[in-house]
Amino acid sequence: MNGFTHGKVDATLFTKEVDRHLLIVQIYVDDIIFGSTNDALFKDFERVMKLKFKMSSMGEMKFFLGLQVDQLPGGIFIHQTNYVHDVLEKFSMTRTSPMSTPLALNHGIHPDLTGDKVDEKSQTRSHHQQLFFINHK
C-alpha cells in the first residue's frame, strides 16, 4: 500500500512515516483530508493524488462534517460555534447569558501539552499542524 498503514480502529485512516515525519490521510466517501509534519510530504501527496484522480484542492480545511476547524499557531481547534449559534437562534435564546459547564475541580482531564501520539507515548515528534481538504470531482 505504498508504505501506508491502516488505522487500527478506523479502516479509512491511513498513516505513513517517512524519515520520522508523519503523513495522515483520512478518506470519507469521496473526500480526502490529509496532513503532515512535513511540508514536502503533503505537497507530494497532493501532487500524486491530482495526477492519478480528477481532484481539486480546497485548500486549508475550515469545515468538515459540520465541524469548524481553526488552524492556529498553538494547535488545531475543532468546534461547532456556528451550529450552536444556529440552535440558539432557532429557539430564540441568542440573548441568554452563558454558563460554564459544571465539572468537578478534580476531574483529571488535562490538555496534552506534549503532543505525543495517544497509542505510542514513547515517541515524540515535531508537529506541522496543517490539514488540507481535497474534493473528488
N, C-alpha and C. Protein backbone atom coordinates (compact mmCIF):
# COMPACT_ATOMS: atom_id res chain seq x y z
N MET A 1 0.82 -1.20 0.00
CA MET A 1 0.00 0.00 0.00
C MET A 1 0.85 1.25 0.00
N ASN A 2 1.90 1.26 -0.75
CA ASN A 2 2.78 2.43 -0.88
C ASN A 2 3.31 2.93 0.46
N GLY A 3 3.50 2.02 1.41
CA GLY A 3 4.06 2.40 2.71
C GLY A 3 3.05 2.90 3.71
N PHE A 4 1.77 2.91 3.36
CA PHE A 4 0.72 3.36 4.28
C PHE A 4 0.28 2.21 5.18
N THR A 5 -0.14 2.56 6.39
CA THR A 5 -0.66 1.61 7.34
C THR A 5 -2.11 1.97 7.63
N HIS A 6 -3.00 0.96 7.64
CA HIS A 6 -4.41 1.18 8.01
C HIS A 6 -4.51 1.55 9.49
N GLY A 7 -5.47 2.40 9.81
CA GLY A 7 -5.74 2.69 11.20
C GLY A 7 -6.28 1.44 11.89
N LYS A 8 -5.94 1.24 13.14
CA LYS A 8 -6.40 0.06 13.88
C LYS A 8 -7.88 0.13 14.21
N VAL A 9 -8.38 1.33 14.45
CA VAL A 9 -9.78 1.49 14.82
C VAL A 9 -10.62 1.89 13.61
N ASP A 10 -10.07 2.73 12.75
CA ASP A 10 -10.79 3.27 11.60
C ASP A 10 -10.09 2.84 10.32
N ALA A 11 -10.76 2.00 9.52
CA ALA A 11 -10.17 1.47 8.29
C ALA A 11 -10.03 2.53 7.20
N THR A 12 -10.61 3.71 7.39
CA THR A 12 -10.49 4.78 6.39
C THR A 12 -9.38 5.76 6.74
N LEU A 13 -8.63 5.45 7.80
CA LEU A 13 -7.50 6.29 8.22
C LEU A 13 -6.20 5.58 7.81
N PHE A 14 -5.33 6.32 7.14
CA PHE A 14 -4.06 5.77 6.68
C PHE A 14 -2.92 6.65 7.18
N THR A 15 -1.85 6.04 7.61
CA THR A 15 -0.67 6.80 8.03
C THR A 15 0.56 6.26 7.32
N LYS A 16 1.52 7.15 7.13
CA LYS A 16 2.78 6.78 6.50
C LYS A 16 3.89 7.56 7.19
N GLU A 17 4.94 6.86 7.57
CA GLU A 17 6.06 7.50 8.25
C GLU A 17 7.25 7.54 7.29
N VAL A 18 7.82 8.73 7.10
CA VAL A 18 8.98 8.91 6.23
C VAL A 18 9.99 9.77 6.98
N ASP A 19 11.16 9.21 7.25
CA ASP A 19 12.22 9.96 7.95
C ASP A 19 11.71 10.65 9.21
N ARG A 20 11.01 9.93 10.05
CA ARG A 20 10.46 10.42 11.32
C ARG A 20 9.39 11.49 11.15
N HIS A 21 8.88 11.67 9.92
CA HIS A 21 7.76 12.57 9.68
C HIS A 21 6.53 11.72 9.36
N LEU A 22 5.37 12.27 9.64
CA LEU A 22 4.13 11.53 9.52
C LEU A 22 3.21 12.18 8.49
N LEU A 23 2.61 11.35 7.65
CA LEU A 23 1.57 11.77 6.72
C LEU A 23 0.31 11.03 7.14
N ILE A 24 -0.76 11.76 7.39
CA ILE A 24 -2.03 11.17 7.81
C ILE A 24 -3.07 11.47 6.74
N VAL A 25 -3.79 10.44 6.31
CA VAL A 25 -4.80 10.57 5.28
C VAL A 25 -6.10 9.96 5.79
N GLN A 26 -7.17 10.73 5.75
CA GLN A 26 -8.50 10.26 6.14
C GLN A 26 -9.41 10.35 4.93
N ILE A 27 -10.06 9.24 4.60
CA ILE A 27 -10.96 9.20 3.44
C ILE A 27 -12.39 9.10 3.96
N TYR A 28 -13.24 9.99 3.46
CA TYR A 28 -14.65 9.96 3.82
C TYR A 28 -15.46 10.06 2.53
N VAL A 29 -16.05 8.98 2.12
CA VAL A 29 -16.80 8.85 0.87
C VAL A 29 -15.91 9.31 -0.28
N ASP A 30 -16.16 10.49 -0.85
CA ASP A 30 -15.31 10.96 -1.95
C ASP A 30 -14.49 12.18 -1.55
N ASP A 31 -14.31 12.37 -0.26
CA ASP A 31 -13.48 13.47 0.24
C ASP A 31 -12.25 12.90 0.94
N ILE A 32 -11.15 13.60 0.84
CA ILE A 32 -9.91 13.19 1.48
C ILE A 32 -9.37 14.37 2.30
N ILE A 33 -9.03 14.09 3.54
CA ILE A 33 -8.36 15.07 4.39
C ILE A 33 -6.97 14.53 4.64
N PHE A 34 -5.97 15.37 4.51
CA PHE A 34 -4.63 14.90 4.83
C PHE A 34 -3.82 15.99 5.48
N GLY A 35 -2.87 15.58 6.28
CA GLY A 35 -1.98 16.50 6.97
C GLY A 35 -0.66 15.81 7.20
N SER A 36 0.36 16.59 7.46
CA SER A 36 1.69 16.03 7.64
C SER A 36 2.52 16.89 8.56
N THR A 37 3.54 16.27 9.13
CA THR A 37 4.51 17.01 9.92
C THR A 37 5.60 17.58 9.02
N ASN A 38 5.47 17.39 7.70
CA ASN A 38 6.49 17.84 6.74
C ASN A 38 5.81 18.44 5.51
N ASP A 39 6.13 19.68 5.17
CA ASP A 39 5.53 20.36 4.02
C ASP A 39 5.70 19.58 2.72
N ALA A 40 6.92 19.11 2.47
CA ALA A 40 7.21 18.40 1.21
C ALA A 40 6.39 17.13 1.10
N LEU A 41 6.19 16.45 2.21
CA LEU A 41 5.43 15.20 2.21
C LEU A 41 3.99 15.42 1.80
N PHE A 42 3.33 16.44 2.37
CA PHE A 42 1.93 16.64 1.98
C PHE A 42 1.80 17.26 0.60
N LYS A 43 2.75 18.07 0.17
CA LYS A 43 2.69 18.63 -1.20
C LYS A 43 2.88 17.53 -2.23
N ASP A 44 3.77 16.58 -1.95
CA ASP A 44 3.98 15.46 -2.86
C ASP A 44 2.73 14.59 -2.92
N PHE A 45 2.10 14.33 -1.77
CA PHE A 45 0.88 13.54 -1.75
C PHE A 45 -0.22 14.22 -2.56
N GLU A 46 -0.37 15.53 -2.39
CA GLU A 46 -1.38 16.27 -3.14
C GLU A 46 -1.12 16.19 -4.64
N ARG A 47 0.14 16.33 -5.04
CA ARG A 47 0.52 16.26 -6.46
C ARG A 47 0.18 14.89 -7.04
N VAL A 48 0.55 13.83 -6.33
CA VAL A 48 0.29 12.47 -6.81
C VAL A 48 -1.21 12.22 -6.93
N MET A 49 -1.99 12.65 -5.96
CA MET A 49 -3.43 12.44 -5.99
C MET A 49 -4.07 13.18 -7.17
N LYS A 50 -3.61 14.38 -7.45
CA LYS A 50 -4.15 15.15 -8.57
C LYS A 50 -3.78 14.52 -9.91
N LEU A 51 -2.59 13.89 -9.98
CA LEU A 51 -2.18 13.22 -11.21
C LEU A 51 -3.00 11.95 -11.46
N LYS A 52 -3.29 11.21 -10.41
CA LYS A 52 -3.97 9.91 -10.56
C LYS A 52 -5.49 10.03 -10.62
N PHE A 53 -6.05 11.06 -10.02
CA PHE A 53 -7.50 11.21 -9.95
C PHE A 53 -7.90 12.62 -10.38
N LYS A 54 -9.14 12.75 -10.82
CA LYS A 54 -9.65 14.08 -11.15
C LYS A 54 -10.06 14.73 -9.84
N MET A 55 -9.17 15.53 -9.29
CA MET A 55 -9.40 16.12 -7.97
C MET A 55 -9.06 17.60 -7.97
N SER A 56 -9.66 18.29 -7.03
CA SER A 56 -9.30 19.69 -6.83
C SER A 56 -9.00 19.89 -5.35
N SER A 57 -8.04 20.73 -5.08
CA SER A 57 -7.68 21.02 -3.71
C SER A 57 -8.53 22.18 -3.21
N MET A 58 -9.13 21.99 -2.05
CA MET A 58 -9.99 23.02 -1.48
C MET A 58 -9.21 23.93 -0.54
N GLY A 59 -7.90 23.68 -0.41
CA GLY A 59 -7.08 24.50 0.47
C GLY A 59 -7.18 24.06 1.92
N GLU A 60 -6.76 24.94 2.79
CA GLU A 60 -6.77 24.64 4.22
C GLU A 60 -8.19 24.35 4.68
N MET A 61 -8.35 23.28 5.45
CA MET A 61 -9.66 22.85 5.90
C MET A 61 -10.22 23.84 6.93
N LYS A 62 -11.45 24.28 6.67
CA LYS A 62 -12.15 25.19 7.58
C LYS A 62 -13.40 24.53 8.16
N PHE A 63 -14.05 23.66 7.38
CA PHE A 63 -15.26 22.96 7.80
C PHE A 63 -15.17 21.51 7.34
N PHE A 64 -15.70 20.60 8.15
CA PHE A 64 -15.79 19.20 7.73
C PHE A 64 -16.83 18.50 8.59
N LEU A 65 -17.82 17.88 7.93
CA LEU A 65 -18.89 17.14 8.61
C LEU A 65 -19.54 17.94 9.73
N GLY A 66 -19.81 19.21 9.46
CA GLY A 66 -20.47 20.06 10.44
C GLY A 66 -19.56 20.64 11.50
N LEU A 67 -18.29 20.31 11.45
CA LEU A 67 -17.33 20.84 12.43
C LEU A 67 -16.56 22.00 11.81
N GLN A 68 -16.29 23.01 12.61
CA GLN A 68 -15.43 24.10 12.18
C GLN A 68 -14.01 23.78 12.63
N VAL A 69 -13.05 24.11 11.80
CA VAL A 69 -11.65 23.81 12.11
C VAL A 69 -10.85 25.11 11.99
N ASP A 70 -10.26 25.53 13.10
CA ASP A 70 -9.40 26.71 13.12
C ASP A 70 -7.98 26.23 13.34
N GLN A 71 -7.09 26.52 12.38
CA GLN A 71 -5.70 26.11 12.49
C GLN A 71 -4.89 27.31 12.95
N LEU A 72 -4.49 27.26 14.21
CA LEU A 72 -3.80 28.36 14.86
C LEU A 72 -2.36 27.98 15.14
N PRO A 73 -1.47 28.94 15.37
CA PRO A 73 -0.08 28.61 15.66
C PRO A 73 0.09 27.66 16.85
N GLY A 74 -0.81 27.75 17.83
CA GLY A 74 -0.71 26.90 19.01
C GLY A 74 -1.36 25.54 18.87
N GLY A 75 -2.04 25.30 17.76
CA GLY A 75 -2.69 24.00 17.57
C GLY A 75 -3.95 24.12 16.75
N ILE A 76 -4.61 23.01 16.57
CA ILE A 76 -5.84 22.95 15.78
C ILE A 76 -7.02 22.94 16.75
N PHE A 77 -7.98 23.82 16.54
CA PHE A 77 -9.15 23.95 17.39
C PHE A 77 -10.37 23.52 16.59
N ILE A 78 -11.06 22.47 17.03
CA ILE A 78 -12.25 21.96 16.36
C ILE A 78 -13.45 22.31 17.23
N HIS A 79 -14.44 22.94 16.61
CA HIS A 79 -15.58 23.41 17.39
C HIS A 79 -16.84 23.47 16.53
N GLN A 80 -17.96 23.80 17.15
CA GLN A 80 -19.24 23.92 16.45
C GLN A 80 -19.92 25.24 16.79
N THR A 81 -19.17 26.30 16.80
CA THR A 81 -19.70 27.61 17.17
C THR A 81 -20.89 28.01 16.29
N ASN A 82 -20.77 27.85 14.98
CA ASN A 82 -21.88 28.22 14.09
C ASN A 82 -23.13 27.39 14.36
N TYR A 83 -22.94 26.10 14.59
CA TYR A 83 -24.07 25.21 14.88
C TYR A 83 -24.77 25.63 16.17
N VAL A 84 -23.99 25.89 17.21
CA VAL A 84 -24.56 26.32 18.49
C VAL A 84 -25.32 27.62 18.32
N HIS A 85 -24.73 28.55 17.57
CA HIS A 85 -25.41 29.83 17.31
C HIS A 85 -26.74 29.60 16.60
N ASP A 86 -26.75 28.71 15.59
CA ASP A 86 -27.99 28.41 14.86
C ASP A 86 -29.05 27.79 15.77
N VAL A 87 -28.65 26.89 16.66
CA VAL A 87 -29.60 26.26 17.59
C VAL A 87 -30.15 27.31 18.55
N LEU A 88 -29.29 28.17 19.09
CA LEU A 88 -29.75 29.23 19.99
C LEU A 88 -30.71 30.17 19.28
N GLU A 89 -30.40 30.49 18.02
CA GLU A 89 -31.27 31.37 17.24
C GLU A 89 -32.63 30.71 16.99
N LYS A 90 -32.61 29.43 16.67
CA LYS A 90 -33.85 28.68 16.39
C LYS A 90 -34.79 28.72 17.59
N PHE A 91 -34.26 28.67 18.78
CA PHE A 91 -35.07 28.65 19.99
C PHE A 91 -35.11 30.01 20.70
N SER A 92 -34.77 31.08 19.96
CA SER A 92 -34.82 32.45 20.48
C SER A 92 -34.03 32.59 21.79
N MET A 93 -32.83 32.06 21.80
CA MET A 93 -32.02 32.09 23.02
C MET A 93 -30.69 32.83 22.81
N THR A 94 -30.59 33.64 21.77
CA THR A 94 -29.32 34.32 21.50
C THR A 94 -28.99 35.40 22.51
N ARG A 95 -29.96 35.87 23.27
CA ARG A 95 -29.71 36.92 24.25
C ARG A 95 -29.55 36.37 25.67
N THR A 96 -29.50 35.07 25.81
CA THR A 96 -29.32 34.47 27.14
C THR A 96 -27.87 34.60 27.60
N SER A 97 -27.67 34.51 28.89
CA SER A 97 -26.33 34.61 29.45
C SER A 97 -25.63 33.26 29.39
N PRO A 98 -24.34 33.25 29.04
CA PRO A 98 -23.61 31.98 29.01
C PRO A 98 -23.39 31.45 30.43
N MET A 99 -23.27 30.14 30.54
CA MET A 99 -22.97 29.50 31.82
C MET A 99 -21.84 28.51 31.59
N SER A 100 -20.99 28.38 32.58
CA SER A 100 -19.91 27.42 32.44
C SER A 100 -20.45 26.00 32.60
N THR A 101 -19.74 25.06 32.02
CA THR A 101 -20.12 23.65 32.13
C THR A 101 -19.75 23.16 33.52
N PRO A 102 -20.68 22.57 34.25
CA PRO A 102 -20.33 22.09 35.60
C PRO A 102 -19.37 20.90 35.49
N LEU A 103 -18.21 21.04 36.08
CA LEU A 103 -17.20 19.99 36.05
C LEU A 103 -16.44 20.04 37.36
N ALA A 104 -16.31 18.90 37.98
CA ALA A 104 -15.61 18.84 39.27
C ALA A 104 -14.18 19.35 39.12
N LEU A 105 -13.66 19.98 40.17
CA LEU A 105 -12.29 20.50 40.12
C LEU A 105 -11.25 19.40 39.99
N ASN A 106 -11.53 18.23 40.49
CA ASN A 106 -10.57 17.13 40.42
C ASN A 106 -10.96 16.12 39.33
N HIS A 107 -11.40 16.62 38.19
CA HIS A 107 -11.90 15.78 37.11
C HIS A 107 -10.83 14.92 36.44
N GLY A 108 -9.56 15.32 36.52
CA GLY A 108 -8.48 14.52 35.94
C GLY A 108 -8.28 14.74 34.45
N ILE A 109 -9.02 15.64 33.84
CA ILE A 109 -8.87 15.92 32.41
C ILE A 109 -7.91 17.09 32.25
N HIS A 110 -6.85 16.89 31.49
CA HIS A 110 -5.84 17.92 31.28
C HIS A 110 -5.43 17.97 29.82
N PRO A 111 -5.02 19.11 29.32
CA PRO A 111 -4.56 19.18 27.92
C PRO A 111 -3.27 18.38 27.74
N ASP A 112 -3.10 17.85 26.54
CA ASP A 112 -1.87 17.13 26.20
C ASP A 112 -0.87 18.16 25.69
N LEU A 113 -0.03 18.62 26.57
CA LEU A 113 0.94 19.66 26.21
C LEU A 113 2.16 19.10 25.49
N THR A 114 2.32 17.77 25.49
CA THR A 114 3.48 17.16 24.84
C THR A 114 3.24 16.90 23.37
N GLY A 115 1.99 16.70 22.96
CA GLY A 115 1.68 16.41 21.57
C GLY A 115 2.03 14.98 21.19
N ASP A 116 2.25 14.11 22.17
CA ASP A 116 2.59 12.72 21.88
C ASP A 116 1.40 11.99 21.28
N LYS A 117 1.70 10.95 20.49
CA LYS A 117 0.66 10.11 19.94
C LYS A 117 -0.02 9.37 21.09
N VAL A 118 -1.32 9.20 20.99
CA VAL A 118 -2.08 8.59 22.06
C VAL A 118 -1.65 7.14 22.28
N ASP A 119 -1.46 6.38 21.21
CA ASP A 119 -1.13 4.96 21.34
C ASP A 119 0.34 4.71 21.57
N GLU A 120 1.19 5.69 21.30
CA GLU A 120 2.63 5.47 21.41
C GLU A 120 3.29 6.64 22.12
N LYS A 121 3.10 6.74 23.43
CA LYS A 121 3.62 7.87 24.20
C LYS A 121 5.15 7.91 24.22
N SER A 122 5.81 6.84 23.77
CA SER A 122 7.27 6.80 23.84
C SER A 122 7.94 7.62 22.75
N GLN A 123 7.21 7.91 21.66
CA GLN A 123 7.81 8.66 20.56
C GLN A 123 7.28 10.09 20.56
N THR A 124 8.16 11.05 20.38
CA THR A 124 7.72 12.43 20.24
C THR A 124 8.07 12.92 18.86
N ARG A 125 7.33 13.87 18.37
CA ARG A 125 7.53 14.40 17.01
C ARG A 125 7.35 15.92 17.04
N SER A 126 7.95 16.55 16.05
CA SER A 126 7.59 17.95 15.85
C SER A 126 6.28 17.93 15.08
N HIS A 127 5.44 18.92 15.29
CA HIS A 127 4.12 18.90 14.67
C HIS A 127 3.96 20.07 13.72
N HIS A 128 3.77 19.75 12.45
CA HIS A 128 3.36 20.76 11.49
C HIS A 128 1.86 20.58 11.41
N GLN A 129 1.11 21.45 12.02
CA GLN A 129 -0.31 21.24 12.17
C GLN A 129 -1.07 21.96 11.07
N GLN A 130 -1.13 21.28 9.94
CA GLN A 130 -1.87 21.85 8.83
C GLN A 130 -2.62 20.74 8.14
N LEU A 131 -3.91 20.93 7.92
CA LEU A 131 -4.74 19.96 7.25
C LEU A 131 -5.19 20.54 5.93
N PHE A 132 -5.32 19.69 4.94
CA PHE A 132 -5.84 20.10 3.66
C PHE A 132 -7.03 19.25 3.31
N PHE A 133 -7.89 19.77 2.50
CA PHE A 133 -9.12 19.10 2.12
C PHE A 133 -9.13 19.00 0.61
N ILE A 134 -9.26 17.79 0.11
CA ILE A 134 -9.33 17.58 -1.34
C ILE A 134 -10.71 17.03 -1.65
N ASN A 135 -11.36 17.60 -2.63
CA ASN A 135 -12.68 17.19 -3.02
C ASN A 135 -12.59 16.47 -4.36
N HIS A 136 -13.05 15.22 -4.40
CA HIS A 136 -13.05 14.44 -5.63
C HIS A 136 -14.19 14.94 -6.49
N LYS A 137 -13.90 15.25 -7.75
CA LYS A 137 -14.95 15.76 -8.64
C LYS A 137 -15.53 14.65 -9.47
